[in-house]
Amino acid sequence: MKTLKKRRKEHKTDYLKRLKLLKSGKPRIVFRRTNRYLISQYIESKEAKDKVILGVDSKELQTYGFPENSKGSLKSIPASYLTGFLTGKKIISKKLETPIVDFGMLRAIHKTRVYAFLKGLIDAGIKIKCPKDAFPEESKIKGENLKNKIPFEEIKSKIEKN
């Protein structure tokens, strides 16, 4: 009987997927979701040792004008898009190599946070191939369906200026 590794048992690591990503030799954009925030990291791997070059979490959006009363929305679709957009702008400003995307154990279902994050990266200028029908509708990305409205365009323009 084959025993499972600890991180696989805890649903934290898919070792086959990780091995394939490491064999590519390219840096990765890792997207993770916690109970309160979204985290993205630009990671380079050498000899299976990961080094975080750049890290962004959705908490950082508050410095760009994300409303305090919408703290619960820091893991919503608009927050996901803006986190991806901010990450993409930082990658471009530091002139880092184009990465491949690593969602880890997150299920990549069309029109969800994962694809909103990916659209944010693409809109920032990172060249990643993805079908357009996988992205959420523009109204959901802008947060028009949320009870507490988010000044989406203001936040996006502040990110572009920095």
N, C-alpha and C. Protein backbone atom coordinates (compact mmCIF):
# COMPACT_ATOMS: atom_id res chain seq x y z
N MET A 1 0.84 -1.18 0.00
CA MET A 1 0.00 0.00 0.00
C MET A 1 0.89 1.25 0.00
N LYS A 2 0.55 2.20 -0.85
CA LYS A 2 1.33 3.42 -0.98
C LYS A 2 0.86 4.47 0.05
N THR A 3 1.79 5.05 0.78
CA THR A 3 1.42 6.08 1.75
C THR A 3 1.51 7.45 1.09
N LEU A 4 0.58 8.31 1.43
CA LEU A 4 0.56 9.67 0.90
C LEU A 4 1.47 10.58 1.70
N LYS A 5 2.10 11.52 1.01
CA LYS A 5 2.91 12.50 1.70
C LYS A 5 2.00 13.43 2.49
N LYS A 6 2.54 14.01 3.55
CA LYS A 6 1.77 14.83 4.47
C LYS A 6 1.07 15.99 3.77
N ARG A 7 1.80 16.76 2.94
CA ARG A 7 1.22 17.93 2.29
C ARG A 7 0.15 17.54 1.27
N ARG A 8 0.25 16.36 0.69
CA ARG A 8 -0.78 15.89 -0.23
C ARG A 8 -2.03 15.51 0.55
N LYS A 9 -1.85 14.87 1.69
CA LYS A 9 -2.96 14.47 2.54
C LYS A 9 -3.75 15.69 3.04
N GLU A 10 -3.02 16.79 3.31
CA GLU A 10 -3.64 18.02 3.80
C GLU A 10 -4.19 18.88 2.66
N HIS A 11 -4.14 18.37 1.43
CA HIS A 11 -4.61 19.08 0.23
C HIS A 11 -3.87 20.41 0.04
N LYS A 12 -2.56 20.39 0.23
CA LYS A 12 -1.74 21.59 0.06
C LYS A 12 -0.84 21.52 -1.17
N THR A 13 -0.39 20.33 -1.56
CA THR A 13 0.56 20.20 -2.66
C THR A 13 0.18 19.05 -3.59
N ASP A 14 0.17 19.35 -4.87
CA ASP A 14 0.02 18.33 -5.91
C ASP A 14 1.42 18.15 -6.48
N TYR A 15 2.10 17.09 -6.06
CA TYR A 15 3.51 16.93 -6.41
C TYR A 15 3.75 16.70 -7.90
N LEU A 16 2.84 16.05 -8.59
CA LEU A 16 3.00 15.83 -10.03
C LEU A 16 2.93 17.17 -10.78
N LYS A 17 1.95 17.99 -10.41
CA LYS A 17 1.81 19.30 -11.04
C LYS A 17 3.04 20.17 -10.72
N ARG A 18 3.49 20.13 -9.47
CA ARG A 18 4.66 20.92 -9.06
C ARG A 18 5.91 20.50 -9.85
N LEU A 19 6.10 19.21 -10.03
CA LEU A 19 7.25 18.70 -10.77
C LEU A 19 7.23 19.21 -12.22
N LYS A 20 6.07 19.18 -12.85
CA LYS A 20 5.95 19.68 -14.22
C LYS A 20 6.28 21.17 -14.30
N LEU A 21 5.80 21.95 -13.33
CA LEU A 21 6.08 23.39 -13.32
C LEU A 21 7.58 23.66 -13.09
N LEU A 22 8.20 22.88 -12.23
CA LEU A 22 9.63 23.06 -11.96
C LEU A 22 10.48 22.68 -13.16
N LYS A 23 10.07 21.64 -13.89
CA LYS A 23 10.82 21.21 -15.07
C LYS A 23 10.83 22.26 -16.17
N SER A 24 9.83 23.12 -16.19
CA SER A 24 9.77 24.16 -17.23
C SER A 24 10.92 25.15 -17.09
N GLY A 25 11.42 25.34 -15.88
CA GLY A 25 12.54 26.24 -15.65
C GLY A 25 12.15 27.71 -15.63
N LYS A 26 10.86 28.01 -15.79
CA LYS A 26 10.39 29.40 -15.79
C LYS A 26 9.95 29.81 -14.40
N PRO A 27 9.97 31.11 -14.12
CA PRO A 27 9.41 31.58 -12.84
C PRO A 27 7.90 31.35 -12.82
N ARG A 28 7.33 31.32 -11.62
CA ARG A 28 5.89 31.06 -11.48
C ARG A 28 5.21 32.22 -10.78
N ILE A 29 3.95 32.42 -11.13
CA ILE A 29 3.07 33.30 -10.36
C ILE A 29 2.18 32.36 -9.57
N VAL A 30 2.28 32.41 -8.27
CA VAL A 30 1.50 31.52 -7.41
C VAL A 30 0.34 32.33 -6.86
N PHE A 31 -0.87 31.81 -7.02
CA PHE A 31 -2.08 32.47 -6.53
C PHE A 31 -2.70 31.61 -5.45
N ARG A 32 -2.90 32.18 -4.27
CA ARG A 32 -3.49 31.44 -3.15
C ARG A 32 -4.60 32.26 -2.52
N ARG A 33 -5.53 31.56 -1.89
CA ARG A 33 -6.66 32.20 -1.23
C ARG A 33 -6.65 31.77 0.23
N THR A 34 -6.75 32.74 1.13
CA THR A 34 -6.88 32.42 2.54
C THR A 34 -8.33 32.71 2.94
N ASN A 35 -8.63 32.64 4.23
CA ASN A 35 -10.00 32.93 4.67
C ASN A 35 -10.35 34.41 4.52
N ARG A 36 -9.35 35.29 4.52
CA ARG A 36 -9.63 36.73 4.47
C ARG A 36 -9.02 37.45 3.28
N TYR A 37 -7.95 36.90 2.69
CA TYR A 37 -7.22 37.63 1.66
C TYR A 37 -6.87 36.73 0.48
N LEU A 38 -6.40 37.38 -0.58
CA LEU A 38 -5.84 36.70 -1.74
C LEU A 38 -4.35 37.02 -1.78
N ILE A 39 -3.53 36.05 -2.08
CA ILE A 39 -2.08 36.24 -2.09
C ILE A 39 -1.54 35.82 -3.45
N SER A 40 -0.66 36.66 -4.00
CA SER A 40 0.05 36.26 -5.22
C SER A 40 1.53 36.49 -5.01
N GLN A 41 2.33 35.56 -5.51
CA GLN A 41 3.78 35.64 -5.36
C GLN A 41 4.46 35.28 -6.66
N TYR A 42 5.52 36.02 -6.97
CA TYR A 42 6.37 35.73 -8.11
C TYR A 42 7.53 34.92 -7.56
N ILE A 43 7.65 33.66 -7.99
CA ILE A 43 8.62 32.73 -7.39
C ILE A 43 9.56 32.18 -8.46
N GLU A 44 10.84 32.18 -8.12
CA GLU A 44 11.84 31.52 -8.97
C GLU A 44 12.33 30.29 -8.23
N SER A 45 12.53 29.20 -8.95
CA SER A 45 12.97 27.94 -8.34
C SER A 45 14.32 27.54 -8.91
N LYS A 46 15.24 27.20 -8.03
CA LYS A 46 16.53 26.65 -8.43
C LYS A 46 16.74 25.40 -7.59
N GLU A 47 16.91 24.28 -8.29
CA GLU A 47 17.13 22.99 -7.63
C GLU A 47 16.01 22.68 -6.64
N ALA A 48 14.77 22.93 -7.05
CA ALA A 48 13.55 22.68 -6.26
C ALA A 48 13.48 23.52 -4.99
N LYS A 49 14.27 24.59 -4.91
CA LYS A 49 14.20 25.51 -3.78
C LYS A 49 13.55 26.80 -4.28
N ASP A 50 12.42 27.15 -3.70
CA ASP A 50 11.68 28.33 -4.13
C ASP A 50 12.19 29.58 -3.46
N LYS A 51 12.26 30.66 -4.24
CA LYS A 51 12.65 31.96 -3.72
C LYS A 51 11.59 32.98 -4.17
N VAL A 52 10.95 33.62 -3.20
CA VAL A 52 9.92 34.61 -3.50
C VAL A 52 10.61 35.92 -3.86
N ILE A 53 10.38 36.38 -5.08
CA ILE A 53 10.97 37.62 -5.57
C ILE A 53 10.04 38.79 -5.30
N LEU A 54 8.74 38.55 -5.44
CA LEU A 54 7.74 39.60 -5.30
C LEU A 54 6.48 39.02 -4.69
N GLY A 55 5.90 39.70 -3.75
CA GLY A 55 4.67 39.23 -3.13
C GLY A 55 3.65 40.35 -3.02
N VAL A 56 2.41 40.04 -3.33
CA VAL A 56 1.31 41.01 -3.23
C VAL A 56 0.13 40.29 -2.60
N ASP A 57 -0.54 40.96 -1.65
CA ASP A 57 -1.80 40.39 -1.17
C ASP A 57 -2.88 41.45 -1.27
N SER A 58 -4.13 41.00 -1.20
CA SER A 58 -5.25 41.91 -1.43
C SER A 58 -5.37 42.97 -0.34
N LYS A 59 -4.74 42.76 0.80
CA LYS A 59 -4.73 43.75 1.87
C LYS A 59 -4.08 45.05 1.40
N GLU A 60 -3.14 44.92 0.46
CA GLU A 60 -2.42 46.06 -0.09
C GLU A 60 -3.34 47.00 -0.89
N LEU A 61 -4.48 46.49 -1.33
CA LEU A 61 -5.42 47.30 -2.11
C LEU A 61 -5.99 48.45 -1.28
N GLN A 62 -5.99 48.32 0.04
CA GLN A 62 -6.50 49.38 0.90
C GLN A 62 -5.66 50.64 0.78
N THR A 63 -4.38 50.52 0.46
CA THR A 63 -3.54 51.70 0.28
C THR A 63 -3.86 52.43 -1.02
N TYR A 64 -4.57 51.76 -1.94
CA TYR A 64 -4.96 52.37 -3.20
C TYR A 64 -6.41 52.86 -3.18
N GLY A 65 -7.07 52.77 -2.03
CA GLY A 65 -8.41 53.31 -1.91
C GLY A 65 -9.52 52.28 -1.78
N PHE A 66 -9.19 51.02 -1.56
CA PHE A 66 -10.23 50.00 -1.35
C PHE A 66 -10.91 50.36 -0.03
N PRO A 67 -12.25 50.48 0.00
CA PRO A 67 -12.94 50.97 1.20
C PRO A 67 -12.76 50.07 2.43
N GLU A 68 -12.61 50.72 3.58
CA GLU A 68 -12.45 50.00 4.85
C GLU A 68 -13.69 49.17 5.17
N ASN A 69 -14.90 49.72 4.84
CA ASN A 69 -16.12 48.99 5.17
C ASN A 69 -16.32 47.76 4.29
N SER A 70 -15.48 47.59 3.27
CA SER A 70 -15.56 46.42 2.39
C SER A 70 -14.44 45.44 2.65
N LYS A 71 -13.95 45.39 3.88
CA LYS A 71 -12.85 44.48 4.21
C LYS A 71 -13.19 43.03 3.89
N GLY A 72 -14.46 42.66 4.05
CA GLY A 72 -14.88 41.30 3.75
C GLY A 72 -14.80 40.99 2.27
N SER A 73 -14.70 42.04 1.45
CA SER A 73 -14.64 41.85 0.00
C SER A 73 -13.21 41.73 -0.51
N LEU A 74 -12.24 41.62 0.37
CA LEU A 74 -10.84 41.53 -0.07
C LEU A 74 -10.50 40.18 -0.69
N LYS A 75 -11.49 39.31 -0.80
CA LYS A 75 -11.27 38.05 -1.52
C LYS A 75 -12.34 37.85 -2.59
N SER A 76 -12.98 38.96 -3.00
CA SER A 76 -14.03 38.92 -4.01
C SER A 76 -13.42 38.91 -5.42
N ILE A 77 -14.27 38.85 -6.42
CA ILE A 77 -13.82 38.86 -7.81
C ILE A 77 -13.14 40.20 -8.15
N PRO A 78 -13.71 41.37 -7.76
CA PRO A 78 -13.00 42.62 -8.06
C PRO A 78 -11.64 42.71 -7.36
N ALA A 79 -11.57 42.25 -6.12
CA ALA A 79 -10.30 42.26 -5.39
C ALA A 79 -9.30 41.32 -6.07
N SER A 80 -9.78 40.20 -6.58
CA SER A 80 -8.93 39.26 -7.28
C SER A 80 -8.36 39.89 -8.54
N TYR A 81 -9.22 40.55 -9.32
CA TYR A 81 -8.77 41.22 -10.54
C TYR A 81 -7.73 42.29 -10.21
N LEU A 82 -8.03 43.14 -9.21
CA LEU A 82 -7.12 44.23 -8.85
C LEU A 82 -5.79 43.71 -8.28
N THR A 83 -5.83 42.59 -7.56
CA THR A 83 -4.60 41.97 -7.07
C THR A 83 -3.75 41.49 -8.23
N GLY A 84 -4.38 40.87 -9.22
CA GLY A 84 -3.67 40.44 -10.42
C GLY A 84 -3.11 41.62 -11.20
N PHE A 85 -3.89 42.69 -11.30
CA PHE A 85 -3.46 43.89 -12.01
C PHE A 85 -2.25 44.52 -11.32
N LEU A 86 -2.32 44.62 -9.99
CA LEU A 86 -1.20 45.18 -9.20
C LEU A 86 0.04 44.31 -9.32
N THR A 87 -0.13 43.00 -9.26
CA THR A 87 1.00 42.07 -9.41
C THR A 87 1.64 42.23 -10.78
N GLY A 88 0.81 42.30 -11.82
CA GLY A 88 1.31 42.47 -13.18
C GLY A 88 2.09 43.75 -13.36
N LYS A 89 1.58 44.84 -12.80
CA LYS A 89 2.27 46.13 -12.91
C LYS A 89 3.62 46.09 -12.20
N LYS A 90 3.68 45.41 -11.04
CA LYS A 90 4.95 45.31 -10.31
C LYS A 90 5.95 44.44 -11.06
N ILE A 91 5.49 43.39 -11.71
CA ILE A 91 6.37 42.52 -12.51
C ILE A 91 6.97 43.32 -13.66
N ILE A 92 6.14 44.10 -14.33
CA ILE A 92 6.60 44.90 -15.46
C ILE A 92 7.56 45.99 -15.01
N SER A 93 7.25 46.66 -13.89
CA SER A 93 8.12 47.74 -13.41
C SER A 93 9.50 47.23 -12.98
N LYS A 94 9.56 45.98 -12.48
CA LYS A 94 10.85 45.40 -12.08
C LYS A 94 11.53 44.67 -13.23
N LYS A 95 10.88 44.68 -14.41
CA LYS A 95 11.41 44.03 -15.62
C LYS A 95 11.76 42.56 -15.38
N LEU A 96 10.82 41.85 -14.76
CA LEU A 96 11.01 40.42 -14.50
C LEU A 96 10.54 39.61 -15.70
N GLU A 97 11.04 38.38 -15.79
CA GLU A 97 10.69 37.48 -16.89
C GLU A 97 9.21 37.09 -16.81
N THR A 98 8.58 36.85 -17.96
CA THR A 98 7.19 36.43 -18.00
C THR A 98 7.03 35.07 -17.32
N PRO A 99 6.15 34.98 -16.33
CA PRO A 99 6.00 33.73 -15.57
C PRO A 99 4.92 32.81 -16.14
N ILE A 100 4.86 31.61 -15.58
CA ILE A 100 3.74 30.72 -15.83
C ILE A 100 2.88 30.75 -14.56
N VAL A 101 1.62 30.45 -14.70
CA VAL A 101 0.68 30.58 -13.58
C VAL A 101 0.55 29.25 -12.85
N ASP A 102 0.57 29.34 -11.51
CA ASP A 102 0.46 28.16 -10.65
C ASP A 102 -0.69 28.39 -9.68
N PHE A 103 -1.80 27.69 -9.89
CA PHE A 103 -2.94 27.83 -8.98
C PHE A 103 -2.91 26.80 -7.86
N GLY A 104 -1.95 25.91 -7.89
CA GLY A 104 -1.81 24.91 -6.84
C GLY A 104 -3.02 24.01 -6.77
N MET A 105 -3.57 23.85 -5.61
CA MET A 105 -4.70 22.95 -5.40
C MET A 105 -6.05 23.65 -5.60
N LEU A 106 -6.04 24.94 -5.96
CA LEU A 106 -7.30 25.63 -6.22
C LEU A 106 -7.94 25.07 -7.49
N ARG A 107 -9.23 24.93 -7.48
CA ARG A 107 -9.94 24.44 -8.66
C ARG A 107 -10.12 25.61 -9.62
N ALA A 108 -9.65 25.47 -10.83
CA ALA A 108 -9.73 26.53 -11.83
C ALA A 108 -11.03 26.39 -12.61
N ILE A 109 -12.11 26.93 -12.05
CA ILE A 109 -13.42 26.88 -12.68
C ILE A 109 -13.62 28.21 -13.42
N HIS A 110 -14.15 28.14 -14.63
CA HIS A 110 -14.38 29.35 -15.43
C HIS A 110 -15.24 30.37 -14.67
N LYS A 111 -14.93 31.65 -14.90
CA LYS A 111 -15.69 32.79 -14.38
C LYS A 111 -15.60 32.93 -12.86
N THR A 112 -14.49 32.51 -12.27
CA THR A 112 -14.30 32.64 -10.82
C THR A 112 -13.13 33.56 -10.52
N ARG A 113 -12.78 33.66 -9.23
CA ARG A 113 -11.67 34.52 -8.79
C ARG A 113 -10.36 34.21 -9.49
N VAL A 114 -10.13 32.95 -9.71
CA VAL A 114 -8.88 32.52 -10.34
C VAL A 114 -8.72 33.18 -11.70
N TYR A 115 -9.78 33.16 -12.48
CA TYR A 115 -9.72 33.76 -13.82
C TYR A 115 -9.81 35.28 -13.78
N ALA A 116 -10.43 35.84 -12.73
CA ALA A 116 -10.42 37.29 -12.57
C ALA A 116 -8.98 37.75 -12.30
N PHE A 117 -8.25 37.00 -11.47
CA PHE A 117 -6.84 37.30 -11.20
C PHE A 117 -6.03 37.23 -12.49
N LEU A 118 -6.27 36.20 -13.28
CA LEU A 118 -5.56 36.01 -14.54
C LEU A 118 -5.85 37.15 -15.51
N LYS A 119 -7.10 37.61 -15.56
CA LYS A 119 -7.46 38.74 -16.42
C LYS A 119 -6.74 40.00 -15.97
N GLY A 120 -6.60 40.19 -14.65
CA GLY A 120 -5.86 41.33 -14.12
C GLY A 120 -4.41 41.31 -14.57
N LEU A 121 -3.79 40.13 -14.52
CA LEU A 121 -2.41 39.99 -15.00
C LEU A 121 -2.30 40.34 -16.48
N ILE A 122 -3.22 39.83 -17.29
CA ILE A 122 -3.19 40.06 -18.73
C ILE A 122 -3.42 41.54 -19.05
N ASP A 123 -4.39 42.17 -18.35
CA ASP A 123 -4.67 43.59 -18.57
C ASP A 123 -3.51 44.48 -18.14
N ALA A 124 -2.69 44.00 -17.21
CA ALA A 124 -1.51 44.77 -16.77
C ALA A 124 -0.40 44.71 -17.80
N GLY A 125 -0.44 43.72 -18.69
CA GLY A 125 0.56 43.63 -19.75
C GLY A 125 1.37 42.35 -19.76
N ILE A 126 1.05 41.40 -18.89
CA ILE A 126 1.74 40.12 -18.87
C ILE A 126 1.14 39.26 -19.98
N LYS A 127 1.99 38.63 -20.76
CA LYS A 127 1.51 37.83 -21.89
C LYS A 127 1.29 36.38 -21.46
N ILE A 128 0.02 36.05 -21.21
CA ILE A 128 -0.38 34.71 -20.80
C ILE A 128 -1.54 34.30 -21.70
N LYS A 129 -1.48 33.08 -22.23
CA LYS A 129 -2.55 32.59 -23.09
C LYS A 129 -3.69 32.06 -22.23
N CYS A 130 -4.90 32.52 -22.55
CA CYS A 130 -6.08 32.05 -21.84
C CYS A 130 -7.31 32.34 -22.70
N PRO A 131 -8.26 31.42 -22.74
CA PRO A 131 -9.47 31.68 -23.53
C PRO A 131 -10.30 32.81 -22.91
N LYS A 132 -10.81 33.69 -23.75
CA LYS A 132 -11.57 34.86 -23.27
C LYS A 132 -12.87 34.48 -22.58
N ASP A 133 -13.47 33.35 -22.97
CA ASP A 133 -14.75 32.97 -22.37
C ASP A 133 -14.59 32.45 -20.93
N ALA A 134 -13.37 32.28 -20.46
CA ALA A 134 -13.14 31.80 -19.09
C ALA A 134 -13.24 32.94 -18.07
N PHE A 135 -13.11 34.19 -18.53
CA PHE A 135 -13.11 35.33 -17.62
C PHE A 135 -14.53 35.67 -17.15
N PRO A 136 -14.65 36.19 -15.91
CA PRO A 136 -15.97 36.64 -15.44
C PRO A 136 -16.47 37.84 -16.26
N GLU A 137 -17.77 38.10 -16.19
CA GLU A 137 -18.33 39.25 -16.90
C GLU A 137 -17.73 40.54 -16.35
N GLU A 138 -17.71 41.57 -17.20
CA GLU A 138 -17.13 42.87 -16.82
C GLU A 138 -17.86 43.48 -15.63
N SER A 139 -19.17 43.29 -15.53
CA SER A 139 -19.94 43.86 -14.41
C SER A 139 -19.52 43.22 -13.08
N LYS A 140 -19.22 41.92 -13.10
CA LYS A 140 -18.76 41.26 -11.87
C LYS A 140 -17.35 41.69 -11.51
N ILE A 141 -16.50 41.89 -12.52
CA ILE A 141 -15.13 42.32 -12.25
C ILE A 141 -15.14 43.72 -11.62
N LYS A 142 -16.04 44.57 -12.08
CA LYS A 142 -16.13 45.93 -11.53
C LYS A 142 -16.88 45.98 -10.21
N GLY A 143 -17.48 44.88 -9.79
CA GLY A 143 -18.14 44.81 -8.49
C GLY A 143 -19.52 45.43 -8.46
N GLU A 144 -20.17 45.51 -9.61
CA GLU A 144 -21.50 46.11 -9.67
C GLU A 144 -22.55 45.27 -8.95
N ASN A 145 -22.28 44.01 -8.75
CA ASN A 145 -23.23 43.12 -8.07
C ASN A 145 -23.06 43.13 -6.55
N LEU A 146 -22.03 43.79 -6.03
CA LEU A 146 -21.78 43.80 -4.59
C LEU A 146 -22.66 44.81 -3.87
N LYS A 147 -23.00 44.52 -2.61
CA LYS A 147 -23.83 45.42 -1.82
C LYS A 147 -23.08 46.73 -1.54
N ASN A 148 -21.83 46.62 -1.07
CA ASN A 148 -20.99 47.80 -0.85
C ASN A 148 -20.20 48.07 -2.12
N LYS A 149 -20.51 49.17 -2.77
CA LYS A 149 -19.85 49.50 -4.03
C LYS A 149 -18.37 49.81 -3.81
N ILE A 150 -17.55 49.38 -4.75
CA ILE A 150 -16.10 49.59 -4.70
C ILE A 150 -15.74 50.60 -5.78
N PRO A 151 -14.94 51.62 -5.45
CA PRO A 151 -14.51 52.58 -6.49
C PRO A 151 -13.47 51.94 -7.41
N PHE A 152 -13.92 51.01 -8.23
CA PHE A 152 -13.06 50.16 -9.04
C PHE A 152 -12.14 50.97 -9.96
N GLU A 153 -12.71 51.89 -10.72
CA GLU A 153 -11.93 52.65 -11.70
C GLU A 153 -10.88 53.53 -11.02
N GLU A 154 -11.23 54.11 -9.86
CA GLU A 154 -10.26 54.94 -9.12
C GLU A 154 -9.07 54.12 -8.66
N ILE A 155 -9.35 52.94 -8.11
CA ILE A 155 -8.28 52.07 -7.61
C ILE A 155 -7.39 51.63 -8.77
N LYS A 156 -8.01 51.25 -9.88
CA LYS A 156 -7.24 50.81 -11.04
C LYS A 156 -6.36 51.91 -11.59
N SER A 157 -6.87 53.15 -11.63
CA SER A 157 -6.05 54.26 -12.14
C SER A 157 -4.91 54.60 -11.18
N LYS A 158 -5.12 54.46 -9.87
CA LYS A 158 -4.04 54.69 -8.90
C LYS A 158 -2.94 53.65 -9.05
N ILE A 159 -3.33 52.40 -9.31
CA ILE A 159 -2.34 51.34 -9.52
C ILE A 159 -1.53 51.63 -10.78
N GLU A 160 -2.20 52.08 -11.85
CA GLU A 160 -1.51 52.39 -13.11
C GLU A 160 -0.51 53.52 -12.94
N LYS A 161 -0.82 54.50 -12.09
CA LYS A 161 0.08 55.65 -11.89
C LYS A 161 1.35 55.25 -11.16
N ASN A 162 1.24 54.28 -10.25
CA ASN A 162 2.41 53.89 -9.44
C ASN A 162 3.31 52.97 -10.16
